[in-house]
Amino acid sequence: MTISNEHQYRPSASLILASKQVSHVKDQFDYNLLLIKRTERTAYALNHCVFPGGVFDAQADESNDWLVYFQDCGVTQEQLNQLHIRQTTGRPEVMNQGLQFSRDISLRLTALRETFEEVGLLLCRKNLKDLKGGQPAQIVDQPYDRNYWQKRVHNDAKQFLELCRHLAVMPDLWALNEWSIWRTPASASSRKYDTVYYFTALESSKVDLLLEPNEVDAAYWLQPVDCWLQSREGIIWLPYILLYETARLLNIQSWQRLLQFAYTRSALGSTLLQPIYYRTNDCLFGVLPGDELYLPEPNKCYESIILPSSISELNAVTKRCNRYMIYGFQHVDFACNVLPLDGHFPLQARVNTRLAKL
């Protein structure tokens, strides 16, 4: 069976970056998240903010030249095997499509390459003696013409490998922890993606960003609570799946605890999360796995499903929910009363709407 291009999903990767902050206030987050604001040429909504990331490039991110470079640098097969996730429930299709080597490697390269291209952070290391997970990422601090190399990588993704060769550094793949995998709804009219979200942490908040002017208009370091509040207030606009992830991060105020949680949880892998959209008389809402309205083939739901009721009438009789209800760009309510998948935290209680008494 041939699938038309409009229904194909392009692999991509994004990086959730948490920088450690000094906090002297009890019950306050001691880390910030990096958000970038897209330029008008790339954004589809005013003040659209996302985590750094972009589309997988097979010629660059899955080149066999990487394996040669790994070997030349002394990286062993055992060290590369540390990156493979052996998921008991079966890996999402996007993670099983690697040709030259595992997508667990190539999509990490995508996330690191795009992070350098967009904000100038080169997460690489020279010391290969301690290649193990659960550690903060390292930033290259040796002198080099960062602006020159950022332009080269922006114009040709294969130049990321040449940059690593030039500096004799290794992409810090082991510092990236798989966080979640989201698929664009099948009903979306624009391009569709399978996006792997990775998490990594930085020990210092004093990092020097270099924003790529064609794609990035601004960058913000915000606590999760500020990400949530500023999106609600219209100061920034977070896509709904990033609001969902922020609602999970609101559970964890400690940078150290978050790093350890992300590392431990990543070994469980990820269930592919593809929203299915419904429309009531007064609301558009997306449902996720575990919701009683979730269907077994979400990739075939090419249009929103119409329900002849109001959202309040529907919610009053709902027993199992994992959904977000969209009343406007800034007004989005989340509701989930099912166990979180893949060892994740649930939505934080203060942003989790209770629909009905069970």
Protein backbone atom coordinates (compact mmCIF):
# COMPACT_ATOMS: atom_id res chain seq x y z
CA MET A 1 0.00 0.00 0.00
CA THR A 2 1.43 3.39 -0.99
CA ILE A 3 0.92 6.27 1.42
CA SER A 4 0.59 9.70 -0.16
CA ASN A 5 3.09 12.37 0.82
CA GLU A 6 0.45 14.39 2.64
CA HIS A 7 0.03 11.54 5.14
CA GLN A 8 3.73 10.86 5.72
CA TYR A 9 5.32 11.93 8.98
CA ARG A 10 8.79 13.47 8.91
CA PRO A 11 11.13 12.52 11.78
CA SER A 12 12.30 15.39 13.95
CA ALA A 13 13.85 15.96 17.36
CA SER A 14 13.68 18.67 20.01
CA LEU A 15 15.64 19.33 23.17
CA ILE A 16 14.17 20.25 26.56
CA LEU A 17 17.07 22.10 28.19
CA ALA A 18 17.03 22.84 31.93
CA SER A 19 19.68 25.17 33.36
CA LYS A 20 20.39 25.06 37.08
CA GLN A 21 19.54 28.21 39.04
CA VAL A 22 20.41 29.25 42.56
CA SER A 23 17.21 29.49 44.58
CA HIS A 24 17.00 30.60 48.19
CA VAL A 25 13.22 30.40 48.34
CA LYS A 26 11.53 27.25 49.57
CA ASP A 27 9.08 25.59 47.17
CA GLN A 28 10.50 27.41 44.15
CA PHE A 29 11.94 25.91 40.99
CA ASP A 30 15.74 25.86 40.94
CA TYR A 31 15.95 25.55 37.15
CA ASN A 32 14.84 27.33 33.99
CA LEU A 33 13.77 25.91 30.63
CA LEU A 34 15.01 27.29 27.32
CA LEU A 35 12.29 28.44 24.92
CA ILE A 36 12.89 30.04 21.54
CA LYS A 37 10.49 32.37 19.80
CA ARG A 38 10.19 31.68 16.10
CA THR A 39 10.53 34.49 13.57
CA GLU A 40 7.48 35.57 11.61
CA ARG A 41 8.79 33.61 8.63
CA THR A 42 8.65 30.31 10.54
CA ALA A 43 5.92 30.81 13.17
CA TYR A 44 2.27 29.98 12.59
CA ALA A 45 0.96 31.88 15.63
CA LEU A 46 1.85 35.18 17.25
CA ASN A 47 4.60 34.82 19.88
CA HIS A 48 4.96 31.13 19.00
CA CYS A 49 7.59 29.54 21.29
CA VAL A 50 9.07 26.05 21.21
CA PHE A 51 12.03 24.06 22.48
CA PRO A 52 15.07 24.09 20.16
CA GLY A 53 14.87 21.41 17.49
CA GLY A 54 14.14 20.60 13.90
CA VAL A 55 13.79 18.02 11.14
CA PHE A 56 15.96 14.92 10.81
CA ASP A 57 18.40 15.08 7.87
CA ALA A 58 19.29 11.57 6.68
CA GLN A 59 22.34 12.76 4.72
CA ALA A 60 23.76 14.47 7.81
CA ASP A 61 22.38 12.73 10.89
CA GLU A 62 22.51 9.18 9.58
CA SER A 63 25.73 9.36 7.60
CA ASN A 64 28.02 6.38 7.99
CA ASP A 65 30.79 8.97 8.43
CA TRP A 66 29.56 9.37 12.01
CA LEU A 67 30.35 5.73 12.76
CA VAL A 68 33.83 6.22 11.32
CA TYR A 69 34.28 9.33 13.45
CA PHE A 70 33.05 7.55 16.59
CA GLN A 71 35.56 4.77 15.97
CA ASP A 72 38.39 7.24 15.27
CA CYS A 73 37.63 8.95 18.58
CA GLY A 74 37.75 5.67 20.48
CA VAL A 75 34.03 5.29 21.18
CA THR A 76 33.30 1.60 21.68
CA GLN A 77 30.28 -0.36 20.50
CA GLU A 78 29.38 -0.93 24.14
CA GLN A 79 29.24 2.84 24.69
CA LEU A 80 27.00 3.26 21.64
CA ASN A 81 24.78 0.43 22.88
CA GLN A 82 24.11 2.47 26.03
CA LEU A 83 22.00 4.76 23.85
CA HIS A 84 19.67 2.00 22.60
CA ILE A 85 16.34 1.81 24.40
CA ARG A 86 14.93 -1.69 24.68
CA GLN A 87 11.27 -0.90 25.15
CA THR A 88 9.17 -3.83 26.38
CA THR A 89 5.98 -2.50 24.76
CA GLY A 90 7.62 -2.08 21.35
CA ARG A 91 9.29 1.03 19.97
CA PRO A 92 7.30 3.56 17.91
CA GLU A 93 7.78 3.11 14.18
CA VAL A 94 9.87 6.27 13.84
CA MET A 95 12.52 4.74 16.10
CA ASN A 96 12.77 1.56 14.02
CA GLN A 97 13.49 3.19 10.67
CA GLY A 98 17.24 3.71 10.96
CA LEU A 99 19.22 2.51 7.96
CA GLN A 100 22.90 3.14 8.74
CA PHE A 101 22.46 2.91 12.51
CA SER A 102 19.88 3.26 15.27
CA ARG A 103 17.52 6.21 15.41
CA ASP A 104 18.42 6.36 19.11
CA ILE A 105 21.71 7.78 17.85
CA SER A 106 20.71 9.70 14.74
CA LEU A 107 17.82 11.61 16.31
CA ARG A 108 20.03 12.61 19.22
CA LEU A 109 22.40 14.01 16.59
CA THR A 110 19.44 15.89 15.08
CA ALA A 111 18.58 17.46 18.43
CA LEU A 112 22.18 18.49 19.12
CA ARG A 113 22.75 19.81 15.59
CA GLU A 114 19.57 21.86 15.62
CA THR A 115 20.34 23.25 19.08
CA PHE A 116 23.69 24.50 17.83
CA GLU A 117 22.15 25.84 14.63
CA GLU A 118 19.36 27.73 16.42
CA VAL A 119 20.94 29.01 19.64
CA GLY A 120 24.68 28.37 19.25
CA LEU A 121 25.01 25.86 22.10
CA LEU A 122 27.49 23.14 21.14
CA LEU A 123 26.81 20.27 23.55
CA CYS A 124 29.95 18.20 23.04
CA ARG A 125 32.77 16.75 25.12
CA LYS A 126 36.45 15.97 24.74
CA ASN A 127 36.77 13.48 27.58
CA LEU A 128 35.38 10.09 26.55
CA LYS A 129 36.33 8.23 29.73
CA ASP A 130 33.01 8.85 31.48
CA LEU A 131 30.40 8.28 28.78
CA LYS A 132 27.47 7.32 30.96
CA GLY A 133 23.94 8.59 31.38
CA GLY A 134 22.46 10.62 34.18
CA GLN A 135 25.01 13.42 33.86
CA PRO A 136 24.53 17.08 32.85
CA ALA A 137 25.49 18.01 29.31
CA GLN A 138 28.84 19.65 28.61
CA ILE A 139 29.23 22.78 26.49
CA VAL A 140 32.32 23.28 24.37
CA ASP A 141 34.21 26.21 25.86
CA GLN A 142 37.33 26.23 23.69
CA PRO A 143 37.70 29.23 21.35
CA TYR A 144 36.37 28.91 17.80
CA ASP A 145 34.48 31.10 15.33
CA ARG A 146 31.00 30.18 16.50
CA ASN A 147 29.19 32.60 14.20
CA TYR A 148 31.03 31.24 11.15
CA TRP A 149 30.30 27.62 12.02
CA GLN A 150 26.68 28.30 12.91
CA LYS A 151 26.14 29.74 9.43
CA ARG A 152 27.87 26.73 7.84
CA VAL A 153 25.70 24.27 9.76
CA HIS A 154 22.56 26.28 8.97
CA ASN A 155 23.35 26.14 5.25
CA ASP A 156 24.52 22.51 5.23
CA ALA A 157 23.59 20.10 8.02
CA LYS A 158 26.58 17.86 7.16
CA GLN A 159 28.87 20.61 8.46
CA PHE A 160 27.96 19.64 12.03
CA LEU A 161 30.20 16.60 11.73
CA GLU A 162 32.93 18.78 10.20
CA LEU A 163 32.66 21.14 13.17
CA CYS A 164 33.10 18.24 15.60
CA ARG A 165 36.13 17.06 13.61
CA HIS A 166 37.58 20.58 13.56
CA LEU A 167 37.36 20.87 17.35
CA ALA A 168 38.08 17.17 18.02
CA VAL A 169 34.97 16.85 20.19
CA MET A 170 32.24 14.24 20.53
CA PRO A 171 28.50 15.15 20.49
CA ASP A 172 27.25 14.62 24.04
CA LEU A 173 24.72 11.95 23.04
CA TRP A 174 24.84 10.29 26.46
CA ALA A 175 23.57 13.41 28.21
CA LEU A 176 20.30 13.30 26.25
CA ASN A 177 17.42 11.39 27.85
CA GLU A 178 14.40 10.38 25.80
CA TRP A 179 11.41 12.21 27.28
CA SER A 180 8.46 11.61 24.93
CA ILE A 181 7.47 11.09 21.28
CA TRP A 182 4.64 13.07 19.74
CA ARG A 183 3.03 12.75 16.31
CA THR A 184 1.22 15.60 14.59
CA PRO A 185 -2.56 14.98 14.47
CA ALA A 186 -3.65 13.37 11.21
CA SER A 187 -6.21 16.16 10.83
CA ALA A 188 -3.50 18.84 10.61
CA SER A 189 -3.44 20.64 7.28
CA SER A 190 0.26 21.53 7.42
CA ARG A 191 3.32 19.28 7.42
CA LYS A 192 3.25 16.37 9.81
CA TYR A 193 6.05 15.22 12.11
CA ASP A 194 7.08 12.46 14.47
CA THR A 195 9.00 14.43 17.08
CA VAL A 196 11.22 12.87 19.72
CA TYR A 197 11.68 15.12 22.73
CA TYR A 198 14.92 14.68 24.63
CA PHE A 199 15.78 16.17 28.00
CA THR A 200 19.17 17.37 29.14
CA ALA A 201 20.44 19.56 31.95
CA LEU A 202 23.10 22.23 32.27
CA GLU A 203 24.95 22.79 35.52
CA SER A 204 25.28 26.53 34.93
CA SER A 205 22.75 29.18 34.01
CA LYS A 206 25.52 31.36 32.58
CA VAL A 207 25.45 30.26 28.96
CA ASP A 208 26.04 32.51 25.98
CA LEU A 209 23.39 32.02 23.32
CA LEU A 210 23.88 32.92 19.65
CA LEU A 211 20.50 33.17 17.96
CA GLU A 212 20.20 32.20 14.30
CA PRO A 213 18.48 35.27 12.78
CA ASN A 214 16.50 33.49 10.06
CA GLU A 215 14.69 31.16 12.45
CA VAL A 216 14.91 32.58 15.98
CA ASP A 217 13.56 35.96 17.01
CA ALA A 218 14.21 35.67 20.76
CA ALA A 219 15.07 33.18 23.50
CA TYR A 220 13.79 32.94 27.08
CA TRP A 221 14.93 31.07 30.17
CA LEU A 222 11.76 30.50 32.16
CA GLN A 223 10.68 28.39 35.11
CA PRO A 224 7.98 25.86 34.16
CA VAL A 225 5.38 27.83 36.11
CA ASP A 226 6.25 30.98 34.14
CA CYS A 227 6.04 29.06 30.85
CA TRP A 228 2.53 28.05 31.82
CA LEU A 229 1.39 31.44 33.13
CA GLN A 230 2.88 33.51 30.30
CA SER A 231 1.21 31.29 27.73
CA ARG A 232 -2.10 31.65 29.53
CA GLU A 233 -1.63 35.43 29.60
CA GLY A 234 -0.73 35.67 25.91
CA ILE A 235 2.83 36.90 26.50
CA ILE A 236 4.08 33.80 24.71
CA TRP A 237 2.19 31.03 22.93
CA LEU A 238 3.12 27.41 23.54
CA PRO A 239 1.76 24.68 21.26
CA TYR A 240 -0.65 22.45 23.11
CA ILE A 241 1.71 19.49 23.37
CA LEU A 242 4.35 21.73 24.96
CA LEU A 243 1.76 22.98 27.42
CA TYR A 244 1.03 19.33 28.21
CA GLU A 245 4.73 18.67 28.82
CA THR A 246 4.98 21.82 30.94
CA ALA A 247 2.05 20.56 33.01
CA ARG A 248 4.12 17.42 33.75
CA LEU A 249 7.27 19.38 34.55
CA LEU A 250 5.34 21.47 37.08
CA ASN A 251 5.58 18.43 39.39
CA ILE A 252 9.36 18.67 39.70
CA GLN A 253 10.92 21.73 41.33
CA SER A 254 14.40 20.30 41.86
CA TRP A 255 16.94 20.36 39.00
CA GLN A 256 18.79 17.38 40.44
CA ARG A 257 15.62 15.37 40.91
CA LEU A 258 14.46 16.21 37.39
CA LEU A 259 17.77 15.07 35.90
CA GLN A 260 17.66 11.78 37.79
CA PHE A 261 14.00 11.22 36.93
CA ALA A 262 14.57 11.87 33.22
CA TYR A 263 17.51 9.48 33.12
CA THR A 264 15.70 6.68 34.95
CA ARG A 265 12.45 7.12 33.04
CA SER A 266 14.11 7.18 29.62
CA ALA A 267 14.98 3.48 29.91
CA LEU A 268 11.24 2.71 29.63
CA GLY A 269 10.97 4.28 26.18
CA SER A 270 7.96 6.18 24.88
CA THR A 271 4.47 5.54 23.65
CA LEU A 272 3.71 7.47 20.46
CA LEU A 273 1.28 10.25 21.41
CA GLN A 274 -0.92 11.37 18.53
CA PRO A 275 -3.92 13.54 19.44
CA ILE A 276 -7.32 12.89 17.90
CA TYR A 277 -9.50 15.98 17.59
CA TYR A 278 -13.18 16.26 18.39
CA ARG A 279 -15.49 19.24 18.08
CA THR A 280 -18.54 19.94 20.22
CA ASN A 281 -20.96 22.82 19.80
CA ASP A 282 -18.65 25.14 21.73
CA CYS A 283 -15.17 23.61 21.91
CA LEU A 284 -12.37 21.88 20.03
CA PHE A 285 -10.57 19.26 22.09
CA GLY A 286 -7.81 16.73 21.59
CA VAL A 287 -7.78 13.29 23.19
CA LEU A 288 -4.71 11.20 23.98
CA PRO A 289 -4.10 7.51 24.77
CA GLY A 290 -6.11 6.38 27.80
CA ASP A 291 -9.06 8.67 27.08
CA GLU A 292 -12.33 6.81 26.53
CA LEU A 293 -12.76 8.60 23.19
CA TYR A 294 -9.33 7.60 21.88
CA LEU A 295 -9.53 5.41 18.78
CA PRO A 296 -7.22 2.50 17.83
CA GLU A 297 -6.02 4.10 14.55
CA PRO A 298 -5.42 7.80 15.24
CA ASN A 299 -3.35 8.12 12.06
CA LYS A 300 -6.57 7.65 10.05
CA CYS A 301 -8.54 10.42 11.75
CA TYR A 302 -8.06 12.98 8.99
CA GLU A 303 -10.84 15.30 10.20
CA SER A 304 -12.17 16.44 13.55
CA ILE A 305 -14.99 14.22 14.79
CA ILE A 306 -18.21 16.14 15.40
CA LEU A 307 -20.17 15.46 18.61
CA PRO A 308 -23.72 16.89 18.96
CA SER A 309 -23.33 18.24 22.49
CA SER A 310 -21.67 20.94 24.52
CA ILE A 311 -18.31 20.31 26.17
CA SER A 312 -19.86 20.61 29.63
CA GLU A 313 -22.49 17.99 28.78
CA LEU A 314 -19.79 15.67 27.46
CA ASN A 315 -17.51 16.18 30.45
CA ALA A 316 -20.35 15.48 32.88
CA VAL A 317 -20.60 11.87 31.69
CA THR A 318 -16.90 11.22 31.00
CA LYS A 319 -15.30 8.52 33.13
CA ARG A 320 -11.77 8.14 31.63
CA CYS A 321 -10.10 11.23 30.28
CA ASN A 322 -6.73 12.34 28.95
CA ARG A 323 -7.53 15.43 26.93
CA TYR A 324 -7.04 19.14 26.39
CA MET A 325 -9.90 21.51 25.63
CA ILE A 326 -9.17 24.52 23.42
CA TYR A 327 -11.30 27.62 23.94
CA GLY A 328 -8.71 29.96 22.39
CA PHE A 329 -4.95 30.25 21.88
CA GLN A 330 -4.47 31.29 25.50
CA HIS A 331 -7.36 29.38 27.07
CA VAL A 332 -6.62 25.66 27.12
CA ASP A 333 -7.78 23.34 29.91
CA PHE A 334 -6.21 19.94 30.55
CA ALA A 335 -7.88 16.95 32.17
CA CYS A 336 -6.42 13.53 32.89
CA ASN A 337 -7.54 10.92 35.42
CA VAL A 338 -5.75 7.86 33.97
CA LEU A 339 -2.36 6.53 34.99
CA PRO A 340 0.50 8.21 33.10
CA LEU A 341 2.25 6.11 30.48
CA ASP A 342 5.90 5.11 30.43
CA GLY A 343 6.66 6.01 34.04
CA HIS A 344 5.91 9.70 33.57
CA PHE A 345 4.59 12.11 36.13
CA PRO A 346 0.88 12.96 35.81
CA LEU A 347 -0.28 16.45 35.00
CA GLN A 348 0.34 18.71 37.97
CA ALA A 349 -2.81 18.85 40.10
CA ARG A 350 -3.35 22.62 39.96
CA VAL A 351 -3.57 22.59 36.14
CA ASN A 352 -5.49 19.30 35.88
CA THR A 353 -9.21 19.94 35.55
CA ARG A 354 -11.60 17.52 37.19
CA LEU A 355 -14.40 16.82 34.73
CA ALA A 356 -16.93 14.85 36.76
CA LYS A 357 -17.30 12.97 40.02
CA LEU A 358 -16.55 9.31 39.40
